[in-house]
Amino acid sequence: MDKNYKLEIDPKILRLLGPNLYTNVYFVLAELIANAWDADAKNVYVIEEEEALIVEDDGHGMAFSTGAIQKYLNVAEETRSNESQSLTDNLRRPRMGRKGVGKLAALSISDQVEVMTVSDGESSGFILTTDLSKDGNLPAIADADVRLVRVQGNGTSIRMLRPRYKLHKTVRAIRRNISRLFPFVSDDFALHIIAGKEHETITSFDSDIIERLGSLTLYGDDFLHLGSHFRCGIDDADSSLFLDKLPPIVRSLPMVDSDGQNVQVEMSISGWIGTYQTTRDMKRDNLDFSDNFLSILAHSKLGEYNILPSTGKNRLPEVYIAGQIQIDCFEDSNLPDMALSNRQGYKTDDPRYQLALQIVRDEIVPAAVMARENWAQYKHRAENELKLSQKRAKEIELQEKLMAYEAATANSIAARLRTKTESE
């Protein structure tokens, strides 16, 4: 079968948009991982080689014969325009993609991106490039040359040649950066980080953050599992004193849906927010993303990494805050798309965004600040009580030593007197 891979976009727009769409290599990886999620993959491999950065998955792949590849190449073709398209085909996951520009993410890292895919035994491949011909046709990769590095059977490999950016030197730092942007990993969706001889598999949220918190508030049930990692950091203290479990925050607001109809939208905010015990070790991994953050998740995907600059009041305790709140109506398929093209934020004039920021500013952040202050006061009292207890213990020990010395001295004098008396 002759295969013609045509990218449906003006070459000038591609050269303008592709390399500048994303501002960080980890945002690109998050976008490609999201594509794997939508393909019902159970494993995603992020592989750093000497001359290439690869993202490979074991999803359903794309077949040329079914038109799946051409659909992939139709840039800006909306992939989720109504509620019936909101779930993936096989595993019925919340579909993350919507705008149809995610395939351009790799061009922010490389000018030459090899896309190789296998679907039900059919292999296909092409080179995504900013140097696009006027007719939009992409260089083809012969079917016989299509190869996946780690996956056997169906899957897709995005191979970014001679990448502009390098990942961090340690797998630990790579893992922590990716986990910040893509927290929805599990045994059913595992991320494998491979860099040189290092290989690490991620199947759960980075619990290291939770273990470093002094206070933790959970809204709703989706993040209750994080409570099992919470320790509060005060010796002999009951951690439940600083662990709050609250229902989601629910509000209603009027909007106009995608069909122009007036509707009442229910906004439900769930998630977690905590405060660190200390900020002393926040830069130990030199991460791309601050440990002090409050992210918005929507439809199982990161929407904006840190809204604290827009919701805080410059209070000192705010530097201890970390959290992720989930607001699914931000990605409601029946409502206008409010996400920015690079998936790194939202349209600030959308009423959903404005209401969410108001709730965070007036309720969620102040509650976290209060929890931090309560924790600090408790810790201060506990430390003072410990110091007082230690002081008392030393005083008792000193008194006992003094009494023992006095008794020993008296016994010694008495013994000498007896000896003197007997000698006379």
Protein backbone atom coordinates (compact mmCIF):
# COMPACT_ATOMS: atom_id res chain seq x y z
CA MET A 1 0.00 0.00 0.00
CA ASP A 2 1.33 3.43 -0.95
CA LYS A 3 1.18 5.72 2.07
CA ASN A 4 1.09 9.48 1.87
CA TYR A 5 1.46 11.26 5.21
CA LYS A 6 0.06 14.77 4.90
CA LEU A 7 0.11 17.27 7.75
CA GLU A 8 -2.94 19.50 7.45
CA ILE A 9 -1.40 22.84 8.41
CA ASP A 10 0.12 25.79 6.61
CA PRO A 11 3.95 25.38 6.65
CA LYS A 12 4.39 29.00 7.81
CA ILE A 13 2.13 28.42 10.80
CA LEU A 14 3.95 25.19 11.62
CA ARG A 15 7.36 26.91 11.64
CA LEU A 16 5.94 29.69 13.80
CA LEU A 17 3.94 27.57 16.20
CA GLY A 18 5.76 24.24 16.53
CA PRO A 19 9.06 25.23 18.19
CA ASN A 20 7.47 27.90 20.40
CA LEU A 21 4.35 26.19 21.69
CA TYR A 22 5.86 24.85 24.92
CA THR A 23 8.29 26.52 27.32
CA ASN A 24 9.79 23.49 29.06
CA VAL A 25 10.85 19.98 28.05
CA TYR A 26 8.77 18.44 30.84
CA PHE A 27 5.59 20.11 29.58
CA VAL A 28 6.29 18.45 26.23
CA LEU A 29 6.77 15.07 27.89
CA ALA A 30 3.51 15.56 29.81
CA GLU A 31 1.68 16.26 26.54
CA LEU A 32 3.10 13.15 24.88
CA ILE A 33 2.30 11.06 27.96
CA ALA A 34 -1.26 12.41 27.82
CA ASN A 35 -1.49 11.20 24.21
CA ALA A 36 -0.46 7.74 25.41
CA TRP A 37 -3.15 7.90 28.10
CA ASP A 38 -5.76 8.68 25.44
CA ALA A 39 -4.47 5.72 23.40
CA ASP A 40 -5.33 3.44 26.36
CA ALA A 41 -1.68 2.63 27.02
CA LYS A 42 -0.75 0.83 30.22
CA ASN A 43 2.97 1.57 29.98
CA VAL A 44 4.84 4.66 28.80
CA TYR A 45 8.61 4.71 28.38
CA VAL A 46 10.59 7.96 28.53
CA ILE A 47 14.01 7.05 27.13
CA GLU A 48 16.98 9.39 26.88
CA GLU A 49 19.63 8.29 24.41
CA GLU A 50 22.78 10.07 23.25
CA GLU A 51 21.13 11.59 20.17
CA ALA A 52 17.43 11.17 20.84
CA LEU A 53 14.67 11.58 23.40
CA ILE A 54 11.96 8.95 23.01
CA VAL A 55 8.44 8.62 24.36
CA GLU A 56 6.98 5.21 23.61
CA ASP A 57 3.71 3.60 24.68
CA ASP A 58 1.86 0.29 24.38
CA GLY A 59 -1.47 1.84 23.43
CA HIS A 60 -3.64 0.85 20.50
CA GLY A 61 -1.35 2.53 17.94
CA MET A 62 -2.53 4.09 14.68
CA ALA A 63 -3.31 2.37 11.41
CA PHE A 64 -2.98 4.12 8.07
CA SER A 65 -5.66 1.93 6.53
CA THR A 66 -8.34 3.02 9.00
CA GLY A 67 -7.61 6.74 8.67
CA ALA A 68 -6.32 6.98 12.24
CA ILE A 69 -2.99 8.43 11.14
CA GLN A 70 -4.59 11.07 8.94
CA LYS A 71 -6.84 12.04 11.84
CA TYR A 72 -3.70 12.39 13.96
CA LEU A 73 -2.15 14.65 11.32
CA ASN A 74 -5.15 16.98 11.13
CA VAL A 75 -3.82 19.77 13.32
CA ALA A 76 -6.37 21.65 15.46
CA GLU A 77 -9.13 19.14 14.68
CA GLU A 78 -11.02 19.07 17.97
CA THR A 79 -10.88 15.57 19.44
CA ARG A 80 -13.47 16.08 22.20
CA SER A 81 -16.38 18.32 21.28
CA ASN A 82 -19.17 16.67 23.28
CA GLU A 83 -19.72 14.41 26.28
CA SER A 84 -19.95 11.24 24.17
CA GLN A 85 -16.30 11.75 23.16
CA SER A 86 -15.07 12.41 26.70
CA LEU A 87 -13.92 8.83 27.43
CA THR A 88 -11.25 6.71 25.71
CA ASP A 89 -12.33 3.87 23.45
CA ASN A 90 -11.28 0.79 25.45
CA LEU A 91 -10.44 1.60 29.07
CA ARG A 92 -13.01 4.44 29.31
CA ARG A 93 -10.56 6.86 30.84
CA PRO A 94 -11.32 10.60 30.89
CA ARG A 95 -9.92 11.74 27.55
CA MET A 96 -7.23 14.39 28.01
CA GLY A 97 -6.75 15.70 24.48
CA ARG A 98 -9.10 18.27 23.03
CA LYS A 99 -7.44 20.90 20.84
CA GLY A 100 -5.62 18.60 18.41
CA VAL A 101 -2.26 20.39 18.69
CA GLY A 102 -0.49 17.98 21.05
CA LYS A 103 1.29 16.26 18.20
CA LEU A 104 3.23 19.50 17.64
CA ALA A 105 4.66 19.33 21.16
CA ALA A 106 7.66 17.27 20.08
CA LEU A 107 8.68 20.01 17.62
CA SER A 108 9.44 22.23 20.60
CA ILE A 109 12.32 19.86 21.36
CA SER A 110 13.44 18.68 17.93
CA ASP A 111 13.18 19.77 14.28
CA GLN A 112 13.08 16.12 13.21
CA VAL A 113 10.65 13.80 14.97
CA GLU A 114 10.25 10.19 13.90
CA VAL A 115 6.76 8.86 14.53
CA MET A 116 6.52 5.07 14.33
CA THR A 117 3.38 3.15 15.17
CA VAL A 118 1.99 -0.38 15.05
CA SER A 119 -1.71 -1.22 15.12
CA ASP A 120 -3.06 -4.76 14.75
CA GLY A 121 0.02 -5.86 12.82
CA GLU A 122 0.11 -2.82 10.51
CA SER A 123 3.30 -0.75 10.77
CA SER A 124 3.53 2.88 9.68
CA GLY A 125 6.02 5.69 10.12
CA PHE A 126 6.80 9.23 9.08
CA ILE A 127 9.00 12.17 10.04
CA LEU A 128 7.33 15.17 11.59
CA THR A 129 9.37 18.25 10.70
CA THR A 130 9.13 22.03 10.71
CA ASP A 131 10.71 22.01 7.25
CA LEU A 132 7.39 21.15 5.66
CA SER A 133 6.90 21.07 1.89
CA LYS A 134 4.24 23.30 0.34
CA ASP A 135 1.93 20.34 -0.24
CA GLY A 136 2.21 19.33 3.43
CA ASN A 137 3.58 15.85 2.68
CA LEU A 138 5.89 14.41 5.33
CA PRO A 139 8.86 12.07 4.65
CA ALA A 140 7.77 8.47 5.05
CA ILE A 141 9.57 5.77 7.02
CA ALA A 142 9.46 2.42 5.26
CA ASP A 143 7.17 -0.04 7.01
CA ALA A 144 10.04 -2.51 7.32
CA ASP A 145 12.09 0.10 9.21
CA VAL A 146 9.43 0.82 11.80
CA ARG A 147 10.66 -0.34 15.18
CA LEU A 148 9.61 0.17 18.77
CA VAL A 149 12.33 0.16 21.42
CA ARG A 150 10.56 -1.42 24.38
CA VAL A 151 7.08 -2.38 23.22
CA GLN A 152 6.06 -5.62 21.57
CA GLY A 153 2.85 -5.46 19.53
CA ASN A 154 0.64 -2.38 19.30
CA GLY A 155 2.07 0.97 20.29
CA THR A 156 3.56 4.27 19.19
CA SER A 157 7.08 5.66 19.46
CA ILE A 158 7.86 9.39 19.25
CA ARG A 159 11.57 9.74 18.63
CA MET A 160 12.86 13.34 18.93
CA LEU A 161 16.24 13.46 17.17
CA ARG A 162 19.07 15.71 18.36
CA PRO A 163 16.89 17.32 21.04
CA ARG A 164 17.49 20.95 21.97
CA TYR A 165 17.13 20.18 25.67
CA LYS A 166 18.51 17.55 28.01
CA LEU A 167 16.71 16.02 30.93
CA HIS A 168 18.18 16.14 34.41
CA LYS A 169 21.23 14.01 35.15
CA THR A 170 19.51 11.78 37.70
CA VAL A 171 16.46 9.61 37.19
CA ARG A 172 15.22 10.80 40.60
CA ALA A 173 15.05 14.41 39.37
CA ILE A 174 13.44 13.36 36.07
CA ARG A 175 10.85 11.33 37.97
CA ARG A 176 9.99 14.16 40.34
CA ASN A 177 9.61 16.68 37.51
CA ILE A 178 7.34 14.41 35.48
CA SER A 179 5.33 13.46 38.56
CA ARG A 180 4.55 17.13 39.20
CA LEU A 181 3.04 17.51 35.73
CA PHE A 182 1.46 14.06 35.41
CA PRO A 183 0.35 12.80 38.84
CA PHE A 184 -2.17 10.24 37.61
CA VAL A 185 0.03 7.16 37.51
CA SER A 186 -0.91 3.75 38.87
CA ASP A 187 -0.38 0.04 38.33
CA ASP A 188 -2.67 0.46 35.29
CA PHE A 189 -0.67 3.36 33.87
CA ALA A 190 3.02 3.05 34.66
CA LEU A 191 5.76 5.45 33.61
CA HIS A 192 9.22 4.01 32.95
CA ILE A 193 12.15 6.44 33.05
CA ILE A 194 15.28 5.16 31.30
CA ALA A 195 18.44 7.27 31.19
CA GLY A 196 21.73 5.53 30.53
CA LYS A 197 22.01 2.59 32.91
CA GLU A 198 19.34 3.94 35.25
CA HIS A 199 15.78 2.64 34.98
CA GLU A 200 12.96 3.55 37.33
CA THR A 201 9.26 2.73 37.16
CA ILE A 202 6.63 5.09 38.55
CA THR A 203 3.30 3.56 39.55
CA SER A 204 2.14 6.02 42.19
CA PHE A 205 2.11 9.71 43.06
CA ASP A 206 5.38 11.09 44.46
CA SER A 207 4.70 10.41 48.16
CA ASP A 208 7.92 12.19 49.11
CA ILE A 209 5.99 15.47 49.03
CA ILE A 210 3.35 14.21 51.46
CA GLU A 211 5.96 12.82 53.86
CA ARG A 212 7.53 16.28 54.13
CA LEU A 213 4.27 18.01 55.12
CA GLY A 214 3.34 19.19 58.59
CA SER A 215 -0.35 19.70 57.78
CA LEU A 216 -2.58 18.14 55.13
CA THR A 217 -6.17 18.82 54.10
CA LEU A 218 -7.99 16.44 51.75
CA TYR A 219 -11.08 17.64 49.88
CA GLY A 220 -13.28 14.80 48.62
CA ASP A 221 -12.39 11.13 48.26
CA ASP A 222 -10.10 11.05 45.20
CA PHE A 223 -6.92 11.74 47.19
CA LEU A 224 -7.70 9.98 50.48
CA HIS A 225 -4.87 7.51 49.81
CA LEU A 226 -2.35 10.30 50.37
CA GLY A 227 -3.27 10.32 54.05
CA SER A 228 -1.44 7.01 54.53
CA HIS A 229 1.88 8.76 53.73
CA PHE A 230 1.32 11.68 56.10
CA ARG A 231 3.41 11.79 59.31
CA CYS A 232 3.27 15.50 60.44
CA GLY A 233 6.92 15.54 61.57
CA ILE A 234 6.40 16.05 65.31
CA ASP A 235 7.71 13.26 67.52
CA ASP A 236 5.06 11.51 69.65
CA ALA A 237 2.30 13.68 68.10
CA ASP A 238 -0.87 12.16 66.71
CA SER A 239 -0.68 12.92 62.96
CA SER A 240 -4.48 12.98 62.73
CA LEU A 241 -4.38 16.30 64.62
CA PHE A 242 -3.04 17.91 61.45
CA LEU A 243 -4.91 15.80 58.86
CA ASP A 244 -8.31 17.19 57.82
CA LYS A 245 -10.72 15.28 55.58
CA LEU A 246 -13.40 17.54 54.15
CA PRO A 247 -16.09 17.18 51.46
CA PRO A 248 -15.50 18.78 48.05
CA ILE A 249 -16.24 22.48 47.76
CA VAL A 250 -19.26 22.85 45.48
CA ARG A 251 -20.52 26.03 43.84
CA SER A 252 -22.94 26.77 41.02
CA LEU A 253 -22.58 29.41 38.33
CA PRO A 254 -24.51 30.42 35.19
CA MET A 255 -22.77 29.97 31.84
CA VAL A 256 -23.38 29.68 28.11
CA ASP A 257 -22.52 26.21 26.77
CA SER A 258 -20.87 25.33 23.47
CA ASP A 259 -24.25 25.43 21.69
CA GLY A 260 -25.03 28.92 22.96
CA GLN A 261 -27.56 27.76 25.54
CA ASN A 262 -27.78 29.21 29.05
CA VAL A 263 -26.93 26.51 31.58
CA GLN A 264 -26.21 26.23 35.29
CA VAL A 265 -22.78 24.70 35.87
CA GLU A 266 -21.83 22.89 39.07
CA MET A 267 -18.22 23.45 40.05
CA SER A 268 -16.81 20.82 42.39
CA ILE A 269 -13.32 21.33 43.83
CA SER A 270 -11.57 18.31 45.29
CA GLY A 271 -7.89 17.59 45.91
CA TRP A 272 -5.29 18.16 48.58
CA ILE A 273 -3.35 21.06 50.06
CA GLY A 274 -0.65 20.93 52.70
CA THR A 275 2.18 22.90 54.25
CA TYR A 276 5.79 21.78 54.53
CA GLN A 277 7.47 21.25 57.87
CA THR A 278 10.44 23.25 56.58
CA THR A 279 11.63 24.84 53.35
CA ARG A 280 15.26 23.97 54.09
CA ASP A 281 15.68 21.17 51.52
CA MET A 282 13.42 22.43 48.75
CA LYS A 283 16.24 22.90 46.21
CA ARG A 284 18.10 19.67 46.84
CA ASP A 285 17.25 18.24 43.39
CA ASN A 286 17.40 21.56 41.48
CA LEU A 287 14.02 20.82 39.93
CA ASP A 288 12.41 22.79 37.10
CA PHE A 289 9.29 23.28 39.19
CA SER A 290 9.08 24.83 42.62
CA ASP A 291 8.16 22.71 45.64
CA ASN A 292 5.92 25.62 46.64
CA PHE A 293 2.93 25.29 44.30
CA LEU A 294 -0.82 24.88 43.99
CA SER A 295 -1.81 23.16 40.75
CA ILE A 296 -5.12 22.85 38.95
CA LEU A 297 -5.99 19.42 37.55
CA ALA A 298 -8.92 18.87 35.24
CA HIS A 299 -10.11 15.71 33.51
CA SER A 300 -7.11 13.86 35.01
CA LYS A 301 -4.66 16.31 33.44
CA LEU A 302 -2.58 19.20 34.65
CA GLY A 303 -4.14 22.47 33.56
CA GLU A 304 -1.96 25.02 35.36
CA TYR A 305 1.04 24.26 37.54
CA ASN A 306 0.94 27.09 40.05
CA ILE A 307 -1.89 29.52 40.81
CA LEU A 308 -0.43 30.69 44.13
CA PRO A 309 0.87 33.98 42.64
CA SER A 310 -2.75 34.79 41.70
CA THR A 311 -4.37 33.61 44.92
CA GLY A 312 -1.95 34.37 47.75
CA LYS A 313 -1.70 37.50 49.89
CA ASN A 314 2.11 37.54 50.28
CA ARG A 315 1.93 36.03 53.77
CA LEU A 316 5.06 34.26 54.97
CA PRO A 317 3.29 30.92 55.67
CA GLU A 318 2.26 30.72 51.98
CA VAL A 319 5.82 29.73 51.03
CA TYR A 320 5.16 26.40 52.78
CA ILE A 321 2.09 25.53 50.68
CA ALA A 322 1.91 22.63 48.21
CA GLY A 323 -1.19 21.14 46.68
CA GLN A 324 -3.27 20.00 43.74
CA ILE A 325 -6.94 20.79 43.27
CA GLN A 326 -9.14 19.06 40.73
CA ILE A 327 -11.87 21.00 38.91
CA ASP A 328 -13.35 18.82 36.18
CA CYS A 329 -15.79 21.41 34.85
CA PHE A 330 -12.73 23.22 33.44
CA GLU A 331 -12.62 20.43 30.83
CA ASP A 332 -16.36 19.83 30.43
CA SER A 333 -16.79 18.86 26.77
CA ASN A 334 -20.16 20.62 26.59
CA LEU A 335 -18.68 23.96 27.69
CA PRO A 336 -16.34 26.32 25.80
CA ASP A 337 -12.69 25.30 25.80
CA MET A 338 -10.89 27.54 28.33
CA ALA A 339 -7.41 25.97 28.18
CA LEU A 340 -4.54 27.81 26.51
CA SER A 341 -3.06 26.21 23.39
CA ASN A 342 0.08 25.07 25.20
CA ARG A 343 -1.94 23.49 28.03
CA GLN A 344 0.00 25.56 30.58
CA GLY A 345 -2.85 27.71 31.85
CA TYR A 346 -6.40 28.94 31.34
CA LYS A 347 -8.19 31.94 29.93
CA THR A 348 -8.34 34.26 32.90
CA ASP A 349 -11.63 35.87 31.85
CA ASP A 350 -13.56 32.58 31.92
CA PRO A 351 -16.12 32.72 34.78
CA ARG A 352 -15.11 29.22 35.93
CA TYR A 353 -11.52 30.33 36.37
CA GLN A 354 -12.48 33.52 38.16
CA LEU A 355 -14.79 31.68 40.59
CA ALA A 356 -12.16 29.01 41.28
CA LEU A 357 -9.50 31.61 42.07
CA GLN A 358 -11.90 33.40 44.39
CA ILE A 359 -12.59 30.17 46.31
CA VAL A 360 -8.89 29.36 46.53
CA ARG A 361 -8.03 32.91 47.63
CA ASP A 362 -10.83 33.26 50.19
CA GLU A 363 -11.15 29.71 51.54
CA ILE A 364 -8.52 27.15 50.59
CA VAL A 365 -5.29 29.14 51.00
CA PRO A 366 -6.37 30.86 54.28
CA ALA A 367 -7.31 27.46 55.74
CA ALA A 368 -3.89 26.09 54.78
CA VAL A 369 -2.17 29.11 56.35
CA MET A 370 -4.14 28.57 59.57
CA ALA A 371 -3.23 24.86 59.57
CA ARG A 372 0.45 25.80 59.20
CA GLU A 373 0.24 28.25 62.11
CA ASN A 374 -1.49 25.65 64.32
CA TRP A 375 1.18 23.10 63.44
CA ALA A 376 4.00 25.58 64.18
CA GLN A 377 2.48 26.53 67.55
CA TYR A 378 2.02 22.87 68.51
CA LYS A 379 5.59 22.07 67.47
CA HIS A 380 6.89 25.07 69.44
CA ARG A 381 5.01 23.94 72.55
CA ALA A 382 6.19 20.38 72.08
CA GLU A 383 9.79 21.53 71.72
CA ASN A 384 9.50 23.73 74.82
CA GLU A 385 7.95 20.88 76.79
CA LEU A 386 10.72 18.58 75.63
CA LYS A 387 13.38 21.11 76.64
CA LEU A 388 11.68 21.59 80.03
CA SER A 389 11.43 17.83 80.50
CA GLN A 390 15.09 17.42 79.59
CA LYS A 391 16.04 20.24 81.96
CA ARG A 392 14.09 18.63 84.79
CA ALA A 393 15.66 15.27 84.03
CA LYS A 394 19.13 16.84 84.19
CA GLU A 395 18.28 18.59 87.47
CA ILE A 396 17.06 15.32 88.98
CA GLU A 397 20.15 13.55 87.68
CA LEU A 398 22.39 16.27 89.16
CA GLN A 399 20.52 16.13 92.47
CA GLU A 400 20.85 12.36 92.60
CA LYS A 401 24.58 12.63 91.85
CA LEU A 402 24.96 15.26 94.58
CA MET A 403 23.10 13.12 97.10
CA ALA A 404 25.18 10.12 96.11
CA TYR A 405 28.34 12.20 96.50
CA GLU A 406 27.27 13.47 99.89
CA ALA A 407 26.43 9.95 101.03
CA ALA A 408 29.73 8.61 99.73
CA THR A 409 31.63 11.45 101.42
CA ALA A 410 29.84 10.87 104.73
CA ASN A 411 30.54 7.15 104.54
CA SER A 412 34.20 7.83 103.76
CA ILE A 413 34.56 10.20 106.74
CA ALA A 414 32.79 7.74 109.04
CA ALA A 415 35.08 4.95 107.89
CA ARG A 416 38.21 7.01 108.57
CA LEU A 417 36.94 7.95 112.03
CA ARG A 418 36.30 4.29 112.85
CA THR A 419 39.75 3.34 111.65
CA LYS A 420 41.33 6.08 113.76
CA THR A 421 39.37 5.09 116.84
CA GLU A 422 40.31 1.44 116.50
CA SER A 423 44.01 2.30 116.11
CA GLU A 424 44.00 4.30 119.35
